[in-house]
Amino acid sequence: VQLCESALVDEQCEVLNVRHRNAQYAGRASAELYTLVFFRGNAKEVDARVVKVREKGVIVFIPKYGIEGALVGDATERLELFDTCRVKIEVKQEGQSRQEHLVLSLVA
């Protein structure tokens, strides 16, 4: 009797894990969609903080909107960890599918 109940519990746990994972994906996709809708046609210049330094650029965090993204290019070479910089946030369409993406660029 214990073996049957154990298999049933395992099956139920697997179902719950799948539902939880799908709910997390839906929440993330929803947040990304509303962020794109907010910034579509409404570019903003805001302060950002450098949280990671990479070879080809930096990762910045924008506390006002809770957004984290990458900045690449030669201008980012002078930035160091925890520096504050000015960033432009805008939505651009890329590729043949014309899919929209949030683009961060360093303001000189």
PDB file of N, CA and C in Angstrom:
ATOM      1  N   VAL A   1       0.836  -1.190   0.000  1.00  0.00           N
ATOM      2  CA  VAL A   1       0.000   0.000   0.000  1.00  0.00           C
ATOM      3  C   VAL A   1       0.881   1.254   0.000  1.00  0.00           C
ATOM      4  N   GLN A   2       2.000   1.260   0.699  1.00  0.00           N
ATOM      5  CA  GLN A   2       2.875   2.422   0.773  1.00  0.00           C
ATOM      6  C   GLN A   2       3.451   2.772  -0.603  1.00  0.00           C
ATOM      7  N   LEU A   3       3.770   1.748  -1.425  1.00  0.00           N
ATOM      8  CA  LEU A   3       4.360   1.979  -2.736  1.00  0.00           C
ATOM      9  C   LEU A   3       3.380   2.715  -3.649  1.00  0.00           C
ATOM     10  N   CYS A   4       2.131   2.331  -3.627  1.00  0.00           N
ATOM     11  CA  CYS A   4       1.116   2.977  -4.463  1.00  0.00           C
ATOM     12  C   CYS A   4       0.935   4.436  -4.049  1.00  0.00           C
ATOM     13  N   GLU A   5       0.895   4.679  -2.752  1.00  0.00           N
ATOM     14  CA  GLU A   5       0.718   6.052  -2.276  1.00  0.00           C
ATOM     15  C   GLU A   5       1.939   6.899  -2.620  1.00  0.00           C
ATOM     16  N   SER A   6       3.128   6.309  -2.554  1.00  0.00           N
ATOM     17  CA  SER A   6       4.351   7.033  -2.882  1.00  0.00           C
ATOM     18  C   SER A   6       4.355   7.428  -4.364  1.00  0.00           C
ATOM     19  N   ALA A   7       3.924   6.548  -5.235  1.00  0.00           N
ATOM     20  CA  ALA A   7       3.868   6.850  -6.669  1.00  0.00           C
ATOM     21  C   ALA A   7       2.851   7.954  -6.933  1.00  0.00           C
ATOM     22  N   LEU A   8       1.733   7.930  -6.229  1.00  0.00           N
ATOM     23  CA  LEU A   8       0.707   8.963  -6.381  1.00  0.00           C
ATOM     24  C   LEU A   8       1.233  10.328  -5.919  1.00  0.00           C
ATOM     25  N   VAL A   9       1.931  10.340  -4.802  1.00  0.00           N
ATOM     26  CA  VAL A   9       2.511  11.584  -4.284  1.00  0.00           C
ATOM     27  C   VAL A   9       3.550  12.127  -5.265  1.00  0.00           C
ATOM     28  N   ASP A  10       4.395  11.251  -5.813  1.00  0.00           N
ATOM     29  CA  ASP A  10       5.400  11.680  -6.797  1.00  0.00           C
ATOM     30  C   ASP A  10       4.738  12.294  -8.025  1.00  0.00           C
ATOM     31  N   GLU A  11       3.672  11.667  -8.481  1.00  0.00           N
ATOM     32  CA  GLU A  11       2.953  12.171  -9.653  1.00  0.00           C
ATOM     33  C   GLU A  11       2.345  13.549  -9.373  1.00  0.00           C
ATOM     34  N   GLN A  12       1.745  13.714  -8.205  1.00  0.00           N
ATOM     35  CA  GLN A  12       1.143  14.993  -7.837  1.00  0.00           C
ATOM     36  C   GLN A  12       2.212  16.077  -7.693  1.00  0.00           C
ATOM     37  N   CYS A  13       3.351  15.726  -7.129  1.00  0.00           N
ATOM     38  CA  CYS A  13       4.450  16.696  -6.999  1.00  0.00           C
ATOM     39  C   CYS A  13       4.942  17.150  -8.366  1.00  0.00           C
ATOM     40  N   GLU A  14       5.026  16.226  -9.294  1.00  0.00           N
ATOM     41  CA  GLU A  14       5.466  16.569 -10.643  1.00  0.00           C
ATOM     42  C   GLU A  14       4.476  17.532 -11.311  1.00  0.00           C
ATOM     43  N   VAL A  15       3.190  17.290 -11.142  1.00  0.00           N
ATOM     44  CA  VAL A  15       2.158  18.175 -11.701  1.00  0.00           C
ATOM     45  C   VAL A  15       2.264  19.567 -11.086  1.00  0.00           C
ATOM     46  N   LEU A  16       2.437  19.621  -9.767  1.00  0.00           N
ATOM     47  CA  LEU A  16       2.565  20.914  -9.091  1.00  0.00           C
ATOM     48  C   LEU A  16       3.820  21.665  -9.539  1.00  0.00           C
ATOM     49  N   ASN A  17       4.919  20.948  -9.725  1.00  0.00           N
ATOM     50  CA  ASN A  17       6.158  21.584 -10.182  1.00  0.00           C
ATOM     51  C   ASN A  17       5.994  22.179 -11.580  1.00  0.00           C
ATOM     52  N   VAL A  18       5.334  21.454 -12.471  1.00  0.00           N
ATOM     53  CA  VAL A  18       5.103  21.951 -13.833  1.00  0.00           C
ATOM     54  C   VAL A  18       4.220  23.196 -13.795  1.00  0.00           C
ATOM     55  N   ARG A  19       3.163  23.166 -12.990  1.00  0.00           N
ATOM     56  CA  ARG A  19       2.279  24.330 -12.889  1.00  0.00           C
ATOM     57  C   ARG A  19       3.012  25.541 -12.318  1.00  0.00           C
ATOM     58  N   HIS A  20       3.831  25.297 -11.313  1.00  0.00           N
ATOM     59  CA  HIS A  20       4.594  26.389 -10.701  1.00  0.00           C
ATOM     60  C   HIS A  20       5.562  27.003 -11.713  1.00  0.00           C
ATOM     61  N   ARG A  21       6.268  26.168 -12.459  1.00  0.00           N
ATOM     62  CA  ARG A  21       7.221  26.634 -13.458  1.00  0.00           C
ATOM     63  C   ARG A  21       6.505  27.450 -14.539  1.00  0.00           C
ATOM     64  N   ASN A  22       5.358  26.961 -14.993  1.00  0.00           N
ATOM     65  CA  ASN A  22       4.600  27.694 -16.010  1.00  0.00           C
ATOM     66  C   ASN A  22       4.087  29.029 -15.481  1.00  0.00           C
ATOM     67  N   ALA A  23       3.694  29.085 -14.221  1.00  0.00           N
ATOM     68  CA  ALA A  23       3.241  30.337 -13.622  1.00  0.00           C
ATOM     69  C   ALA A  23       4.395  31.338 -13.545  1.00  0.00           C
ATOM     70  N   GLN A  24       5.600  30.865 -13.237  1.00  0.00           N
ATOM     71  CA  GLN A  24       6.763  31.750 -13.209  1.00  0.00           C
ATOM     72  C   GLN A  24       7.051  32.314 -14.598  1.00  0.00           C
ATOM     73  N   TYR A  25       7.003  31.459 -15.637  1.00  0.00           N
ATOM     74  CA  TYR A  25       7.220  31.920 -17.007  1.00  0.00           C
ATOM     75  C   TYR A  25       6.179  32.964 -17.400  1.00  0.00           C
ATOM     76  N   ALA A  26       4.926  32.728 -17.044  1.00  0.00           N
ATOM     77  CA  ALA A  26       3.849  33.665 -17.383  1.00  0.00           C
ATOM     78  C   ALA A  26       4.064  35.008 -16.687  1.00  0.00           C
ATOM     79  N   GLY A  27       4.468  34.992 -15.428  1.00  0.00           N
ATOM     80  CA  GLY A  27       4.723  36.227 -14.701  1.00  0.00           C
ATOM     81  C   GLY A  27       5.861  37.025 -15.310  1.00  0.00           C
ATOM     82  N   ARG A  28       6.923  36.348 -15.699  1.00  0.00           N
ATOM     83  CA  ARG A  28       8.064  37.032 -16.313  1.00  0.00           C
ATOM     84  C   ARG A  28       7.689  37.616 -17.666  1.00  0.00           C
ATOM     85  N   ALA A  29       6.953  36.843 -18.472  1.00  0.00           N
ATOM     86  CA  ALA A  29       6.533  37.323 -19.789  1.00  0.00           C
ATOM     87  C   ALA A  29       5.598  38.513 -19.656  1.00  0.00           C
ATOM     88  N   SER A  30       4.727  38.490 -18.666  1.00  0.00           N
ATOM     89  CA  SER A  30       3.801  39.594 -18.438  1.00  0.00           C
ATOM     90  C   SER A  30       4.560  40.861 -18.057  1.00  0.00           C
ATOM     91  N   ALA A  31       5.533  40.743 -17.171  1.00  0.00           N
ATOM     92  CA  ALA A  31       6.334  41.902 -16.761  1.00  0.00           C
ATOM     93  C   ALA A  31       7.097  42.475 -17.954  1.00  0.00           C
ATOM     94  N   GLU A  32       7.641  41.598 -18.790  1.00  0.00           N
ATOM     95  CA  GLU A  32       8.380  42.058 -19.972  1.00  0.00           C
ATOM     96  C   GLU A  32       7.448  42.760 -20.957  1.00  0.00           C
ATOM     97  N   LEU A  33       6.260  42.219 -21.157  1.00  0.00           N
ATOM     98  CA  LEU A  33       5.287  42.828 -22.060  1.00  0.00           C
ATOM     99  C   LEU A  33       4.890  44.223 -21.588  1.00  0.00           C
ATOM    100  N   TYR A  34       4.559  44.370 -20.330  1.00  0.00           N
ATOM    101  CA  TYR A  34       4.142  45.669 -19.815  1.00  0.00           C
ATOM    102  C   TYR A  34       5.290  46.677 -19.809  1.00  0.00           C
ATOM    103  N   THR A  35       6.517  46.215 -19.635  1.00  0.00           N
ATOM    104  CA  THR A  35       7.672  47.103 -19.736  1.00  0.00           C
ATOM    105  C   THR A  35       7.805  47.623 -21.165  1.00  0.00           C
ATOM    106  N   LEU A  36       7.649  46.736 -22.151  1.00  0.00           N
ATOM    107  CA  LEU A  36       7.719  47.161 -23.549  1.00  0.00           C
ATOM    108  C   LEU A  36       6.596  48.139 -23.883  1.00  0.00           C
ATOM    109  N   VAL A  37       5.390  47.860 -23.402  1.00  0.00           N
ATOM    110  CA  VAL A  37       4.257  48.750 -23.662  1.00  0.00           C
ATOM    111  C   VAL A  37       4.515  50.121 -23.055  1.00  0.00           C
ATOM    112  N   PHE A  38       5.074  50.165 -21.860  1.00  0.00           N
ATOM    113  CA  PHE A  38       5.354  51.432 -21.180  1.00  0.00           C
ATOM    114  C   PHE A  38       6.363  52.278 -21.949  1.00  0.00           C
ATOM    115  N   PHE A  39       7.440  51.656 -22.443  1.00  0.00           N
ATOM    116  CA  PHE A  39       8.509  52.411 -23.095  1.00  0.00           C
ATOM    117  C   PHE A  39       8.304  52.568 -24.601  1.00  0.00           C
ATOM    118  N   ARG A  40       7.300  51.915 -25.187  1.00  0.00           N
ATOM    119  CA  ARG A  40       7.050  52.016 -26.628  1.00  0.00           C
ATOM    120  C   ARG A  40       6.686  53.466 -26.975  1.00  0.00           C
ATOM    121  N   GLY A  41       7.482  54.088 -27.838  1.00  0.00           N
ATOM    122  CA  GLY A  41       7.239  55.458 -28.252  1.00  0.00           C
ATOM    123  C   GLY A  41       7.456  56.472 -27.147  1.00  0.00           C
ATOM    124  N   ASN A  42       8.128  56.067 -26.078  1.00  0.00           N
ATOM    125  CA  ASN A  42       8.283  56.920 -24.911  1.00  0.00           C
ATOM    126  C   ASN A  42       9.689  56.721 -24.329  1.00  0.00           C
ATOM    127  N   ALA A  43      10.711  57.065 -25.118  1.00  0.00           N
ATOM    128  CA  ALA A  43      12.093  56.870 -24.666  1.00  0.00           C
ATOM    129  C   ALA A  43      12.377  57.762 -23.458  1.00  0.00           C
ATOM    130  N   LYS A  44      13.149  57.229 -22.530  1.00  0.00           N
ATOM    131  CA  LYS A  44      13.477  57.947 -21.288  1.00  0.00           C
ATOM    132  C   LYS A  44      14.991  57.953 -21.081  1.00  0.00           C
ATOM    133  N   GLU A  45      15.478  59.029 -20.471  1.00  0.00           N
ATOM    134  CA  GLU A  45      16.871  59.093 -20.022  1.00  0.00           C
ATOM    135  C   GLU A  45      16.857  59.084 -18.504  1.00  0.00           C
ATOM    136  N   VAL A  46      17.538  58.099 -17.915  1.00  0.00           N
ATOM    137  CA  VAL A  46      17.530  57.934 -16.462  1.00  0.00           C
ATOM    138  C   VAL A  46      18.934  57.583 -15.967  1.00  0.00           C
ATOM    139  N   ASP A  47      19.113  57.686 -14.651  1.00  0.00           N
ATOM    140  CA  ASP A  47      20.377  57.290 -14.029  1.00  0.00           C
ATOM    141  C   ASP A  47      20.398  55.783 -13.822  1.00  0.00           C
ATOM    142  N   ALA A  48      21.574  55.200 -14.019  1.00  0.00           N
ATOM    143  CA  ALA A  48      21.762  53.764 -13.836  1.00  0.00           C
ATOM    144  C   ALA A  48      23.053  53.534 -13.060  1.00  0.00           C
ATOM    145  N   ARG A  49      23.160  52.365 -12.469  1.00  0.00           N
ATOM    146  CA  ARG A  49      24.337  52.008 -11.679  1.00  0.00           C
ATOM    147  C   ARG A  49      24.973  50.755 -12.301  1.00  0.00           C
ATOM    148  N   VAL A  50      26.293  50.785 -12.469  1.00  0.00           N
ATOM    149  CA  VAL A  50      27.019  49.635 -13.028  1.00  0.00           C
ATOM    150  C   VAL A  50      27.093  48.546 -11.968  1.00  0.00           C
ATOM    151  N   VAL A  51      26.599  47.326 -12.313  1.00  0.00           N
ATOM    152  CA  VAL A  51      26.626  46.221 -11.360  1.00  0.00           C
ATOM    153  C   VAL A  51      27.592  45.106 -11.760  1.00  0.00           C
ATOM    154  N   LYS A  52      27.988  45.076 -13.048  1.00  0.00           N
ATOM    155  CA  LYS A  52      28.972  44.098 -13.507  1.00  0.00           C
ATOM    156  C   LYS A  52      29.795  44.724 -14.612  1.00  0.00           C
ATOM    157  N   VAL A  53      31.071  44.391 -14.631  1.00  0.00           N
ATOM    158  CA  VAL A  53      31.947  44.849 -15.700  1.00  0.00           C
ATOM    159  C   VAL A  53      32.375  43.629 -16.495  1.00  0.00           C
ATOM    160  N   ARG A  54      32.168  43.681 -17.809  1.00  0.00           N
ATOM    161  CA  ARG A  54      32.538  42.591 -18.710  1.00  0.00           C
ATOM    162  C   ARG A  54      33.600  43.083 -19.682  1.00  0.00           C
ATOM    163  N   GLU A  55      34.151  42.167 -20.468  1.00  0.00           N
ATOM    164  CA  GLU A  55      35.169  42.541 -21.451  1.00  0.00           C
ATOM    165  C   GLU A  55      34.610  43.479 -22.517  1.00  0.00           C
ATOM    166  N   LYS A  56      33.401  43.195 -22.988  1.00  0.00           N
ATOM    167  CA  LYS A  56      32.835  43.954 -24.100  1.00  0.00           C
ATOM    168  C   LYS A  56      31.854  45.037 -23.666  1.00  0.00           C
ATOM    169  N   GLY A  57      31.638  45.196 -22.373  1.00  0.00           N
ATOM    170  CA  GLY A  57      30.692  46.197 -21.913  1.00  0.00           C
ATOM    171  C   GLY A  57      30.423  46.068 -20.433  1.00  0.00           C
ATOM    172  N   VAL A  58      29.285  46.611 -20.012  1.00  0.00           N
ATOM    173  CA  VAL A  58      28.909  46.565 -18.603  1.00  0.00           C
ATOM    174  C   VAL A  58      27.429  46.197 -18.473  1.00  0.00           C
ATOM    175  N   ILE A  59      27.069  45.697 -17.297  1.00  0.00           N
ATOM    176  CA  ILE A  59      25.675  45.438 -16.955  1.00  0.00           C
ATOM    177  C   ILE A  59      25.261  46.544 -15.989  1.00  0.00           C
ATOM    178  N   VAL A  60      24.134  47.199 -16.293  1.00  0.00           N
ATOM    179  CA  VAL A  60      23.661  48.293 -15.449  1.00  0.00           C
ATOM    180  C   VAL A  60      22.292  47.955 -14.869  1.00  0.00           C
ATOM    181  N   PHE A  61      22.024  48.543 -13.709  1.00  0.00           N
ATOM    182  CA  PHE A  61      20.726  48.405 -13.049  1.00  0.00           C
ATOM    183  C   PHE A  61      20.094  49.780 -12.963  1.00  0.00           C
ATOM    184  N   ILE A  62      18.833  49.870 -13.366  1.00  0.00           N
ATOM    185  CA  ILE A  62      18.098  51.129 -13.321  1.00  0.00           C
ATOM    186  C   ILE A  62      17.083  51.021 -12.195  1.00  0.00           C
ATOM    187  N   PRO A  63      17.403  51.588 -11.026  1.00  0.00           N
ATOM    188  CA  PRO A  63      16.550  51.404  -9.854  1.00  0.00           C
ATOM    189  C   PRO A  63      15.148  51.997 -10.003  1.00  0.00           C
ATOM    190  N   LYS A  64      15.008  53.050 -10.780  1.00  0.00           N
ATOM    191  CA  LYS A  64      13.696  53.695 -10.932  1.00  0.00           C
ATOM    192  C   LYS A  64      12.669  52.736 -11.522  1.00  0.00           C
ATOM    193  N   TYR A  65      13.113  51.858 -12.444  1.00  0.00           N
ATOM    194  CA  TYR A  65      12.201  50.931 -13.108  1.00  0.00           C
ATOM    195  C   TYR A  65      12.484  49.464 -12.775  1.00  0.00           C
ATOM    196  N   GLY A  66      13.556  49.191 -12.038  1.00  0.00           N
ATOM    197  CA  GLY A  66      13.890  47.813 -11.697  1.00  0.00           C
ATOM    198  C   GLY A  66      14.368  47.011 -12.894  1.00  0.00           C
ATOM    199  N   ILE A  67      15.003  47.681 -13.838  1.00  0.00           N
ATOM    200  CA  ILE A  67      15.464  47.036 -15.075  1.00  0.00           C
ATOM    201  C   ILE A  67      16.970  46.844 -15.011  1.00  0.00           C
ATOM    202  N   GLU A  68      17.420  45.688 -15.480  1.00  0.00           N
ATOM    203  CA  GLU A  68      18.850  45.403 -15.593  1.00  0.00           C
ATOM    204  C   GLU A  68      19.128  45.047 -17.045  1.00  0.00           C
ATOM    205  N   GLY A  69      20.199  45.609 -17.604  1.00  0.00           N
ATOM    206  CA  GLY A  69      20.516  45.323 -18.994  1.00  0.00           C
ATOM    207  C   GLY A  69      21.965  45.610 -19.308  1.00  0.00           C
ATOM    208  N   ALA A  70      22.362  45.237 -20.513  1.00  0.00           N
ATOM    209  CA  ALA A  70      23.755  45.362 -20.940  1.00  0.00           C
ATOM    210  C   ALA A  70      23.964  46.623 -21.769  1.00  0.00           C
ATOM    211  N   LEU A  71      25.115  47.238 -21.564  1.00  0.00           N
ATOM    212  CA  LEU A  71      25.590  48.337 -22.395  1.00  0.00           C
ATOM    213  C   LEU A  71      26.888  47.863 -23.031  1.00  0.00           C
ATOM    214  N   VAL A  72      27.003  47.972 -24.336  1.00  0.00           N
ATOM    215  CA  VAL A  72      28.222  47.554 -25.028  1.00  0.00           C
ATOM    216  C   VAL A  72      28.753  48.720 -25.833  1.00  0.00           C
ATOM    217  N   GLY A  73      30.033  48.677 -26.106  1.00  0.00           N
ATOM    218  CA  GLY A  73      30.651  49.727 -26.913  1.00  0.00           C
ATOM    219  C   GLY A  73      31.902  50.271 -26.258  1.00  0.00           C
ATOM    220  N   ASP A  74      32.602  51.115 -27.018  1.00  0.00           N
ATOM    221  CA  ASP A  74      33.862  51.686 -26.551  1.00  0.00           C
ATOM    222  C   ASP A  74      33.663  52.649 -25.389  1.00  0.00           C
ATOM    223  N   ALA A  75      32.527  53.339 -25.357  1.00  0.00           N
ATOM    224  CA  ALA A  75      32.281  54.329 -24.309  1.00  0.00           C
ATOM    225  C   ALA A  75      32.166  53.690 -22.923  1.00  0.00           C
ATOM    226  N   THR A  76      31.869  52.393 -22.879  1.00  0.00           N
ATOM    227  CA  THR A  76      31.707  51.720 -21.589  1.00  0.00           C
ATOM    228  C   THR A  76      33.044  51.343 -20.951  1.00  0.00           C
ATOM    229  N   GLU A  77      34.143  51.470 -21.684  1.00  0.00           N
ATOM    230  CA  GLU A  77      35.459  51.082 -21.149  1.00  0.00           C
ATOM    231  C   GLU A  77      35.869  51.926 -19.948  1.00  0.00           C
ATOM    232  N   ARG A  78      35.405  53.151 -19.879  1.00  0.00           N
ATOM    233  CA  ARG A  78      35.794  54.037 -18.774  1.00  0.00           C
ATOM    234  C   ARG A  78      34.934  53.812 -17.522  1.00  0.00           C
ATOM    235  N   LEU A  79      33.881  53.021 -17.629  1.00  0.00           N
ATOM    236  CA  LEU A  79      33.002  52.776 -16.484  1.00  0.00           C
ATOM    237  C   LEU A  79      33.561  51.678 -15.594  1.00  0.00           C
ATOM    238  N   GLU A  80      33.396  51.865 -14.288  1.00  0.00           N
ATOM    239  CA  GLU A  80      33.841  50.879 -13.311  1.00  0.00           C
ATOM    240  C   GLU A  80      32.658  50.435 -12.461  1.00  0.00           C
ATOM    241  N   LEU A  81      32.858  49.409 -11.686  1.00  0.00           N
ATOM    242  CA  LEU A  81      31.823  48.853 -10.833  1.00  0.00           C
ATOM    243  C   LEU A  81      31.259  49.920  -9.899  1.00  0.00           C
ATOM    244  N   PHE A  82      29.952  49.987  -9.786  1.00  0.00           N
ATOM    245  CA  PHE A  82      29.184  50.916  -8.945  1.00  0.00           C
ATOM    246  C   PHE A  82      29.209  52.366  -9.423  1.00  0.00           C
ATOM    247  N   ASP A  83      29.756  52.630 -10.607  1.00  0.00           N
ATOM    248  CA  ASP A  83      29.673  53.979 -11.175  1.00  0.00           C
ATOM    249  C   ASP A  83      28.221  54.290 -11.543  1.00  0.00           C
ATOM    250  N   THR A  84      27.871  55.558 -11.479  1.00  0.00           N
ATOM    251  CA  THR A  84      26.562  56.006 -11.930  1.00  0.00           C
ATOM    252  C   THR A  84      26.719  56.596 -13.320  1.00  0.00           C
ATOM    253  N   CYS A  85      25.807  56.251 -14.213  1.00  0.00           N
ATOM    254  CA  CYS A  85      25.863  56.777 -15.569  1.00  0.00           C
ATOM    255  C   CYS A  85      24.437  57.098 -16.037  1.00  0.00           C
ATOM    256  N   ARG A  86      24.341  57.843 -17.113  1.00  0.00           N
ATOM    257  CA  ARG A  86      23.048  58.223 -17.685  1.00  0.00           C
ATOM    258  C   ARG A  86      22.767  57.281 -18.851  1.00  0.00           C
ATOM    259  N   VAL A  87      21.567  56.711 -18.871  1.00  0.00           N
ATOM    260  CA  VAL A  87      21.207  55.700 -19.858  1.00  0.00           C
ATOM    261  C   VAL A  87      19.902  56.091 -20.536  1.00  0.00           C
ATOM    262  N   LYS A  88      19.823  55.832 -21.838  1.00  0.00           N
ATOM    263  CA  LYS A  88      18.579  56.035 -22.584  1.00  0.00           C
ATOM    264  C   LYS A  88      17.909  54.676 -22.757  1.00  0.00           C
ATOM    265  N   ILE A  89      16.623  54.615 -22.409  1.00  0.00           N
ATOM    266  CA  ILE A  89      15.837  53.384 -22.547  1.00  0.00           C
ATOM    267  C   ILE A  89      14.839  53.606 -23.670  1.00  0.00           C
ATOM    268  N   GLU A  90      14.834  52.701 -24.648  1.00  0.00           N
ATOM    269  CA  GLU A  90      13.873  52.798 -25.744  1.00  0.00           C
ATOM    270  C   GLU A  90      13.545  51.418 -26.279  1.00  0.00           C
ATOM    271  N   VAL A  91      12.468  51.347 -27.038  1.00  0.00           N
ATOM    272  CA  VAL A  91      12.040  50.092 -27.649  1.00  0.00           C
ATOM    273  C   VAL A  91      12.361  50.167 -29.133  1.00  0.00           C
ATOM    274  N   LYS A  92      13.031  49.139 -29.641  1.00  0.00           N
ATOM    275  CA  LYS A  92      13.363  49.074 -31.069  1.00  0.00           C
ATOM    276  C   LYS A  92      12.903  47.746 -31.630  1.00  0.00           C
ATOM    277  N   GLN A  93      12.571  47.768 -32.916  1.00  0.00           N
ATOM    278  CA  GLN A  93      12.201  46.541 -33.608  1.00  0.00           C
ATOM    279  C   GLN A  93      13.435  45.994 -34.301  1.00  0.00           C
ATOM    280  N   GLU A  94      13.643  44.669 -34.174  1.00  0.00           N
ATOM    281  CA  GLU A  94      14.842  44.065 -34.742  1.00  0.00           C
ATOM    282  C   GLU A  94      14.480  42.837 -35.558  1.00  0.00           C
ATOM    283  N   GLY A  95      15.281  42.574 -36.581  1.00  0.00           N
ATOM    284  CA  GLY A  95      15.132  41.371 -37.372  1.00  0.00           C
ATOM    285  C   GLY A  95      13.963  41.420 -38.331  1.00  0.00           C
ATOM    286  N   GLN A  96      13.811  40.330 -39.083  1.00  0.00           N
ATOM    287  CA  GLN A  96      12.731  40.238 -40.057  1.00  0.00           C
ATOM    288  C   GLN A  96      11.367  40.132 -39.395  1.00  0.00           C
ATOM    289  N   SER A  97      11.332  39.569 -38.204  1.00  0.00           N
ATOM    290  CA  SER A  97      10.057  39.408 -37.507  1.00  0.00           C
ATOM    291  C   SER A  97       9.564  40.721 -36.912  1.00  0.00           C
ATOM    292  N   ARG A  98      10.446  41.738 -36.908  1.00  0.00           N
ATOM    293  CA  ARG A  98      10.116  43.055 -36.353  1.00  0.00           C
ATOM    294  C   ARG A  98       9.727  42.961 -34.887  1.00  0.00           C
ATOM    295  N   GLN A  99      10.318  41.993 -34.186  1.00  0.00           N
ATOM    296  CA  GLN A  99      10.046  41.812 -32.765  1.00  0.00           C
ATOM    297  C   GLN A  99      10.651  42.960 -31.973  1.00  0.00           C
ATOM    298  N   GLU A 100       9.915  43.452 -30.995  1.00  0.00           N
ATOM    299  CA  GLU A 100      10.369  44.591 -30.208  1.00  0.00           C
ATOM    300  C   GLU A 100      11.254  44.141 -29.049  1.00  0.00           C
ATOM    301  N   HIS A 101      12.287  44.942 -28.792  1.00  0.00           N
ATOM    302  CA  HIS A 101      13.213  44.681 -27.695  1.00  0.00           C
ATOM    303  C   HIS A 101      13.500  45.986 -26.973  1.00  0.00           C
ATOM    304  N   LEU A 102      13.743  45.881 -25.683  1.00  0.00           N
ATOM    305  CA  LEU A 102      14.160  47.032 -24.901  1.00  0.00           C
ATOM    306  C   LEU A 102      15.652  47.239 -25.125  1.00  0.00           C
ATOM    307  N   VAL A 103      16.044  48.452 -25.504  1.00  0.00           N
ATOM    308  CA  VAL A 103      17.437  48.745 -25.819  1.00  0.00           C
ATOM    309  C   VAL A 103      17.941  49.839 -24.872  1.00  0.00           C
ATOM    310  N   LEU A 104      19.077  49.575 -24.253  1.00  0.00           N
ATOM    311  CA  LEU A 104      19.717  50.555 -23.374  1.00  0.00           C
ATOM    312  C   LEU A 104      20.946  51.106 -24.094  1.00  0.00           C
ATOM    313  N   SER A 105      21.122  52.425 -24.026  1.00  0.00           N
ATOM    314  CA  SER A 105      22.307  53.033 -24.630  1.00  0.00           C
ATOM    315  C   SER A 105      22.840  54.108 -23.694  1.00  0.00           C
ATOM    316  N   LEU A 106      24.164  54.238 -23.693  1.00  0.00           N
ATOM    317  CA  LEU A 106      24.839  55.192 -22.820  1.00  0.00           C
ATOM    318  C   LEU A 106      24.678  56.597 -23.401  1.00  0.00           C
ATOM    319  N   VAL A 107      24.300  57.533 -22.558  1.00  0.00           N
ATOM    320  CA  VAL A 107      24.151  58.932 -22.966  1.00  0.00           C
ATOM    321  C   VAL A 107      25.465  59.643 -22.626  1.00  0.00           C
ATOM    322  N   ALA A 108      26.060  60.290 -23.611  1.00  0.00           N
ATOM    323  CA  ALA A 108      27.351  60.948 -23.404  1.00  0.00           C
ATOM    324  C   ALA A 108      27.242  62.214 -22.587  1.00  0.00           C
TER     325      ALA A 108
END
